[in-house]
Amino acid sequence: MELALPPGPTAVREARSAVRTWLGERRTADPDLLGDIVLSVSELTTNAVVHGLPPVWLGLRLSGSTLRVEVHDGSPDPPIPVVDADAMATRGRGMAIIAATADRYGVDPDHGGKIVWAEFDLPITA
């Protein structure tokens, strides 16, 4: 799935909603993991909207038992993790949250911009 997101803060809400719907239709994530995935999507999208450049889009890919979440924006500048973000800080902890919730994450260049991605290993259900 690929979804072009609107500019501004509504992009985050639309991204979260799209992920919940898409995964719900596939019944691929338990509620705890779904919460981690939605939180990661929120952080990735917020970073793209606040620190990146339009256009911003969300991509979801399911390959076997791995879900890959991608958020593209038009800025080539990679996210900068804040090493010592205060626990009460309202900014600067996004990439730390991604690192804590995803099984893998990274950044790839993409046509003058970038894709920040996170992967989640989904439990295999019979």
N, C-alpha and C. Protein backbone atom coordinates (compact mmCIF):
# COMPACT_ATOMS: atom_id res chain seq x y z
N MET A 1 0.84 -1.17 0.00
CA MET A 1 0.00 0.00 0.00
C MET A 1 0.89 1.23 0.00
N GLU A 2 0.50 2.22 -0.76
CA GLU A 2 1.15 3.52 -0.72
C GLU A 2 0.06 4.57 -0.60
N LEU A 3 0.34 5.58 0.25
CA LEU A 3 -0.64 6.62 0.51
C LEU A 3 0.06 7.96 0.55
N ALA A 4 -0.34 8.87 -0.33
CA ALA A 4 0.15 10.24 -0.26
C ALA A 4 -0.52 10.92 0.92
N LEU A 5 0.28 11.56 1.75
CA LEU A 5 -0.25 12.20 2.95
C LEU A 5 -0.35 13.70 2.75
N PRO A 6 -1.37 14.32 3.35
CA PRO A 6 -1.54 15.77 3.20
C PRO A 6 -0.45 16.51 3.97
N PRO A 7 -0.14 17.73 3.57
CA PRO A 7 0.83 18.50 4.35
C PRO A 7 0.23 18.86 5.70
N GLY A 8 1.10 19.00 6.68
CA GLY A 8 0.64 19.44 8.00
C GLY A 8 0.32 18.31 8.94
N PRO A 9 -0.17 18.68 10.12
CA PRO A 9 -0.37 17.70 11.20
C PRO A 9 -1.44 16.65 10.93
N THR A 10 -2.36 16.88 10.00
CA THR A 10 -3.37 15.86 9.72
C THR A 10 -2.74 14.62 9.09
N ALA A 11 -1.53 14.76 8.56
CA ALA A 11 -0.84 13.62 7.95
C ALA A 11 -0.65 12.50 8.97
N VAL A 12 -0.34 12.86 10.20
CA VAL A 12 -0.07 11.85 11.24
C VAL A 12 -1.34 11.05 11.54
N ARG A 13 -2.45 11.74 11.70
CA ARG A 13 -3.72 11.06 11.97
C ARG A 13 -4.09 10.15 10.80
N GLU A 14 -3.94 10.63 9.57
CA GLU A 14 -4.28 9.81 8.40
C GLU A 14 -3.38 8.58 8.30
N ALA A 15 -2.09 8.75 8.61
CA ALA A 15 -1.17 7.62 8.56
C ALA A 15 -1.54 6.56 9.59
N ARG A 16 -1.83 6.99 10.81
CA ARG A 16 -2.23 6.04 11.87
C ARG A 16 -3.49 5.29 11.46
N SER A 17 -4.47 6.01 10.96
CA SER A 17 -5.73 5.40 10.57
C SER A 17 -5.53 4.39 9.44
N ALA A 18 -4.72 4.76 8.46
CA ALA A 18 -4.46 3.87 7.33
C ALA A 18 -3.79 2.58 7.79
N VAL A 19 -2.85 2.68 8.71
CA VAL A 19 -2.15 1.49 9.21
C VAL A 19 -3.11 0.59 9.97
N ARG A 20 -3.91 1.18 10.85
CA ARG A 20 -4.89 0.36 11.60
C ARG A 20 -5.83 -0.37 10.65
N THR A 21 -6.35 0.33 9.66
CA THR A 21 -7.27 -0.28 8.71
C THR A 21 -6.59 -1.37 7.91
N TRP A 22 -5.43 -1.07 7.36
CA TRP A 22 -4.71 -2.01 6.49
C TRP A 22 -4.36 -3.28 7.25
N LEU A 23 -3.81 -3.12 8.47
CA LEU A 23 -3.45 -4.30 9.25
C LEU A 23 -4.69 -5.03 9.76
N GLY A 24 -5.73 -4.29 10.11
CA GLY A 24 -6.97 -4.92 10.56
C GLY A 24 -7.60 -5.80 9.50
N GLU A 25 -7.53 -5.35 8.25
CA GLU A 25 -8.07 -6.14 7.14
C GLU A 25 -7.29 -7.44 6.95
N ARG A 26 -6.03 -7.42 7.30
CA ARG A 26 -5.18 -8.60 7.12
C ARG A 26 -5.05 -9.43 8.38
N ARG A 27 -5.53 -8.91 9.51
CA ARG A 27 -5.45 -9.60 10.80
C ARG A 27 -4.03 -10.11 11.06
N THR A 28 -3.07 -9.22 10.89
CA THR A 28 -1.67 -9.63 10.96
C THR A 28 -0.95 -9.22 12.23
N ALA A 29 -1.58 -8.46 13.11
CA ALA A 29 -0.85 -8.00 14.29
C ALA A 29 -1.70 -8.13 15.55
N ASP A 30 -1.07 -8.64 16.61
CA ASP A 30 -1.78 -8.68 17.89
C ASP A 30 -1.89 -7.25 18.42
N PRO A 31 -2.78 -6.99 19.36
CA PRO A 31 -3.02 -5.61 19.81
C PRO A 31 -1.78 -4.89 20.34
N ASP A 32 -0.91 -5.59 21.07
CA ASP A 32 0.30 -4.94 21.59
C ASP A 32 1.23 -4.55 20.46
N LEU A 33 1.44 -5.45 19.53
CA LEU A 33 2.31 -5.16 18.39
C LEU A 33 1.69 -4.08 17.52
N LEU A 34 0.38 -4.13 17.34
CA LEU A 34 -0.30 -3.09 16.56
C LEU A 34 -0.05 -1.72 17.19
N GLY A 35 -0.10 -1.64 18.50
CA GLY A 35 0.18 -0.38 19.19
C GLY A 35 1.59 0.11 18.90
N ASP A 36 2.57 -0.80 18.92
CA ASP A 36 3.95 -0.41 18.61
C ASP A 36 4.09 0.07 17.17
N ILE A 37 3.42 -0.63 16.26
CA ILE A 37 3.50 -0.25 14.85
C ILE A 37 2.87 1.13 14.64
N VAL A 38 1.70 1.36 15.21
CA VAL A 38 1.02 2.65 15.06
C VAL A 38 1.85 3.77 15.70
N LEU A 39 2.45 3.51 16.86
CA LEU A 39 3.31 4.50 17.49
C LEU A 39 4.50 4.84 16.59
N SER A 40 5.11 3.82 16.00
CA SER A 40 6.24 4.04 15.10
C SER A 40 5.82 4.85 13.87
N VAL A 41 4.67 4.53 13.31
CA VAL A 41 4.16 5.29 12.16
C VAL A 41 3.94 6.75 12.55
N SER A 42 3.40 6.97 13.74
CA SER A 42 3.20 8.35 14.21
C SER A 42 4.52 9.10 14.27
N GLU A 43 5.54 8.46 14.83
CA GLU A 43 6.84 9.11 14.96
C GLU A 43 7.49 9.35 13.61
N LEU A 44 7.46 8.35 12.73
CA LEU A 44 8.06 8.51 11.40
C LEU A 44 7.36 9.62 10.61
N THR A 45 6.04 9.64 10.68
CA THR A 45 5.28 10.66 9.95
C THR A 45 5.50 12.04 10.54
N THR A 46 5.50 12.14 11.86
CA THR A 46 5.76 13.43 12.51
C THR A 46 7.12 13.97 12.10
N ASN A 47 8.14 13.11 12.11
CA ASN A 47 9.47 13.56 11.70
C ASN A 47 9.46 14.08 10.27
N ALA A 48 8.77 13.37 9.38
CA ALA A 48 8.73 13.79 7.98
C ALA A 48 8.02 15.13 7.82
N VAL A 49 6.93 15.33 8.55
CA VAL A 49 6.16 16.57 8.44
C VAL A 49 6.91 17.74 9.08
N VAL A 50 7.51 17.51 10.24
CA VAL A 50 8.15 18.60 10.98
C VAL A 50 9.54 18.93 10.43
N HIS A 51 10.32 17.90 10.09
CA HIS A 51 11.71 18.12 9.72
C HIS A 51 11.99 17.93 8.24
N GLY A 52 11.09 17.31 7.51
CA GLY A 52 11.32 17.02 6.11
C GLY A 52 10.66 18.03 5.20
N LEU A 53 10.52 17.64 3.96
CA LEU A 53 9.89 18.48 2.94
C LEU A 53 8.84 17.65 2.20
N PRO A 54 7.78 18.31 1.71
CA PRO A 54 6.81 17.57 0.91
C PRO A 54 7.46 17.10 -0.40
N PRO A 55 6.91 16.11 -1.03
CA PRO A 55 5.73 15.35 -0.61
C PRO A 55 6.09 14.30 0.44
N VAL A 56 5.08 13.94 1.23
CA VAL A 56 5.23 12.89 2.24
C VAL A 56 4.26 11.77 1.88
N TRP A 57 4.76 10.56 1.87
CA TRP A 57 3.88 9.42 1.65
C TRP A 57 4.26 8.27 2.56
N LEU A 58 3.29 7.42 2.78
CA LEU A 58 3.42 6.25 3.64
C LEU A 58 3.35 5.01 2.77
N GLY A 59 4.25 4.08 3.02
CA GLY A 59 4.21 2.80 2.33
C GLY A 59 4.18 1.66 3.34
N LEU A 60 3.37 0.65 3.07
CA LEU A 60 3.31 -0.55 3.90
C LEU A 60 3.50 -1.75 2.99
N ARG A 61 4.40 -2.64 3.39
CA ARG A 61 4.67 -3.83 2.61
C ARG A 61 4.76 -5.03 3.55
N LEU A 62 4.06 -6.07 3.20
CA LEU A 62 4.08 -7.30 3.98
C LEU A 62 4.77 -8.36 3.14
N SER A 63 5.86 -8.89 3.65
CA SER A 63 6.63 -9.92 2.96
C SER A 63 6.84 -11.08 3.93
N GLY A 64 6.12 -12.16 3.69
CA GLY A 64 6.17 -13.27 4.64
C GLY A 64 5.64 -12.80 5.98
N SER A 65 6.47 -12.89 7.01
CA SER A 65 6.04 -12.45 8.33
C SER A 65 6.68 -11.11 8.73
N THR A 66 7.18 -10.37 7.74
CA THR A 66 7.80 -9.07 8.03
C THR A 66 6.96 -7.94 7.45
N LEU A 67 6.63 -6.99 8.30
CA LEU A 67 5.95 -5.77 7.87
C LEU A 67 7.00 -4.68 7.77
N ARG A 68 7.05 -4.02 6.63
CA ARG A 68 7.94 -2.88 6.43
C ARG A 68 7.08 -1.63 6.29
N VAL A 69 7.35 -0.65 7.14
CA VAL A 69 6.70 0.65 7.12
C VAL A 69 7.71 1.64 6.57
N GLU A 70 7.31 2.41 5.57
CA GLU A 70 8.20 3.41 4.97
C GLU A 70 7.50 4.76 4.97
N VAL A 71 8.24 5.79 5.34
CA VAL A 71 7.73 7.15 5.22
C VAL A 71 8.75 7.93 4.40
N HIS A 72 8.28 8.44 3.28
CA HIS A 72 9.12 9.22 2.36
C HIS A 72 8.86 10.69 2.56
N ASP A 73 9.93 11.49 2.49
CA ASP A 73 9.76 12.93 2.38
C ASP A 73 10.82 13.47 1.43
N GLY A 74 10.66 14.72 1.02
CA GLY A 74 11.49 15.31 -0.01
C GLY A 74 12.82 15.87 0.45
N SER A 75 13.17 15.73 1.72
CA SER A 75 14.45 16.23 2.21
C SER A 75 15.48 15.11 2.23
N PRO A 76 16.69 15.36 1.74
CA PRO A 76 17.72 14.31 1.81
C PRO A 76 18.36 14.19 3.18
N ASP A 77 18.08 15.12 4.09
CA ASP A 77 18.72 15.12 5.41
C ASP A 77 18.19 13.97 6.26
N PRO A 78 19.10 13.12 6.78
CA PRO A 78 18.64 12.00 7.60
C PRO A 78 18.16 12.47 8.96
N PRO A 79 17.33 11.66 9.61
CA PRO A 79 16.91 12.01 10.97
C PRO A 79 18.13 11.98 11.90
N ILE A 80 18.11 12.86 12.88
CA ILE A 80 19.21 12.93 13.83
C ILE A 80 18.70 12.46 15.18
N PRO A 81 19.15 11.28 15.62
CA PRO A 81 18.71 10.81 16.93
C PRO A 81 19.28 11.70 18.04
N VAL A 82 18.45 12.03 19.00
CA VAL A 82 18.90 12.79 20.16
C VAL A 82 19.32 11.77 21.21
N VAL A 83 20.58 11.82 21.60
CA VAL A 83 21.12 10.80 22.49
C VAL A 83 20.63 10.98 23.92
N ASP A 84 20.61 12.19 24.41
CA ASP A 84 20.26 12.42 25.81
C ASP A 84 18.99 13.24 25.95
N ALA A 85 17.92 12.84 25.28
CA ALA A 85 16.66 13.57 25.40
C ALA A 85 16.12 13.40 26.81
N ASP A 86 15.71 14.49 27.40
CA ASP A 86 15.11 14.49 28.73
C ASP A 86 13.82 13.66 28.69
N ALA A 87 13.55 12.91 29.73
CA ALA A 87 12.35 12.07 29.79
C ALA A 87 11.07 12.88 29.66
N MET A 88 11.09 14.14 30.03
CA MET A 88 9.91 14.98 29.95
C MET A 88 9.87 15.81 28.67
N ALA A 89 10.88 15.66 27.81
CA ALA A 89 10.94 16.44 26.57
C ALA A 89 9.77 16.07 25.67
N THR A 90 9.23 17.05 24.99
CA THR A 90 8.14 16.79 24.04
C THR A 90 8.67 16.60 22.63
N ARG A 91 9.96 16.77 22.43
CA ARG A 91 10.59 16.59 21.11
C ARG A 91 11.92 15.89 21.29
N GLY A 92 12.37 15.27 20.19
CA GLY A 92 13.72 14.73 20.18
C GLY A 92 13.85 13.26 20.52
N ARG A 93 12.73 12.58 20.76
CA ARG A 93 12.81 11.16 21.14
C ARG A 93 12.26 10.23 20.06
N GLY A 94 11.90 10.76 18.89
CA GLY A 94 11.26 9.96 17.86
C GLY A 94 12.05 8.76 17.41
N MET A 95 13.33 8.95 17.08
CA MET A 95 14.12 7.83 16.59
C MET A 95 14.42 6.83 17.72
N ALA A 96 14.49 7.30 18.95
CA ALA A 96 14.67 6.38 20.07
C ALA A 96 13.42 5.50 20.23
N ILE A 97 12.26 6.08 20.00
CA ILE A 97 11.02 5.29 20.05
C ILE A 97 11.01 4.26 18.93
N ILE A 98 11.43 4.65 17.74
CA ILE A 98 11.51 3.70 16.61
C ILE A 98 12.46 2.56 16.97
N ALA A 99 13.62 2.90 17.51
CA ALA A 99 14.60 1.88 17.88
C ALA A 99 14.04 0.92 18.93
N ALA A 100 13.21 1.42 19.83
CA ALA A 100 12.66 0.59 20.90
C ALA A 100 11.50 -0.29 20.43
N THR A 101 10.78 0.13 19.39
CA THR A 101 9.59 -0.61 18.99
C THR A 101 9.80 -1.49 17.77
N ALA A 102 10.67 -1.10 16.86
CA ALA A 102 10.87 -1.85 15.61
C ALA A 102 11.94 -2.91 15.79
N ASP A 103 11.87 -3.95 14.96
CA ASP A 103 12.92 -4.96 14.95
C ASP A 103 14.15 -4.48 14.18
N ARG A 104 13.92 -3.65 13.17
CA ARG A 104 14.99 -3.05 12.38
C ARG A 104 14.49 -1.71 11.87
N TYR A 105 15.42 -0.79 11.62
CA TYR A 105 15.03 0.49 11.03
C TYR A 105 16.23 1.09 10.32
N GLY A 106 15.96 2.05 9.44
CA GLY A 106 17.05 2.67 8.71
C GLY A 106 16.55 3.79 7.83
N VAL A 107 17.47 4.30 7.02
CA VAL A 107 17.18 5.41 6.11
C VAL A 107 17.80 5.08 4.77
N ASP A 108 17.04 5.28 3.70
CA ASP A 108 17.54 5.09 2.34
C ASP A 108 17.31 6.37 1.54
N PRO A 109 18.29 6.77 0.71
CA PRO A 109 18.05 7.91 -0.18
C PRO A 109 16.99 7.55 -1.21
N ASP A 110 16.25 8.55 -1.66
CA ASP A 110 15.18 8.29 -2.63
C ASP A 110 14.90 9.53 -3.46
N HIS A 111 15.38 9.58 -4.69
CA HIS A 111 15.08 10.64 -5.64
C HIS A 111 15.20 12.05 -5.03
N GLY A 112 16.31 12.34 -4.41
CA GLY A 112 16.52 13.65 -3.81
C GLY A 112 15.97 13.80 -2.41
N GLY A 113 15.18 12.85 -1.97
CA GLY A 113 14.63 12.85 -0.62
C GLY A 113 15.14 11.63 0.13
N LYS A 114 14.32 11.11 1.00
CA LYS A 114 14.71 9.92 1.76
C LYS A 114 13.48 9.10 2.12
N ILE A 115 13.75 7.85 2.44
CA ILE A 115 12.75 6.97 3.02
C ILE A 115 13.30 6.53 4.37
N VAL A 116 12.55 6.82 5.41
CA VAL A 116 12.89 6.31 6.74
C VAL A 116 11.95 5.13 6.96
N TRP A 117 12.52 3.98 7.29
CA TRP A 117 11.73 2.76 7.36
C TRP A 117 11.93 2.04 8.69
N ALA A 118 10.94 1.21 9.00
CA ALA A 118 11.00 0.37 10.18
C ALA A 118 10.38 -0.97 9.81
N GLU A 119 10.97 -2.04 10.30
CA GLU A 119 10.45 -3.37 10.04
C GLU A 119 10.05 -4.05 11.34
N PHE A 120 8.97 -4.81 11.23
CA PHE A 120 8.41 -5.53 12.38
C PHE A 120 8.23 -6.99 12.00
N ASP A 121 8.73 -7.88 12.85
CA ASP A 121 8.52 -9.31 12.64
C ASP A 121 7.18 -9.67 13.26
N LEU A 122 6.27 -10.12 12.43
CA LEU A 122 4.92 -10.46 12.89
C LEU A 122 4.87 -11.92 13.28
N PRO A 123 4.11 -12.22 14.33
CA PRO A 123 3.95 -13.64 14.69
C PRO A 123 3.24 -14.37 13.57
N ILE A 124 3.69 -15.58 13.33
CA ILE A 124 3.06 -16.40 12.28
C ILE A 124 1.88 -17.13 12.92
N THR A 125 0.71 -16.95 12.31
CA THR A 125 -0.49 -17.62 12.82
C THR A 125 -0.95 -18.66 11.82
N ALA A 126 -1.44 -19.75 12.33
CA ALA A 126 -1.88 -20.85 11.46
C ALA A 126 -3.37 -20.73 11.20
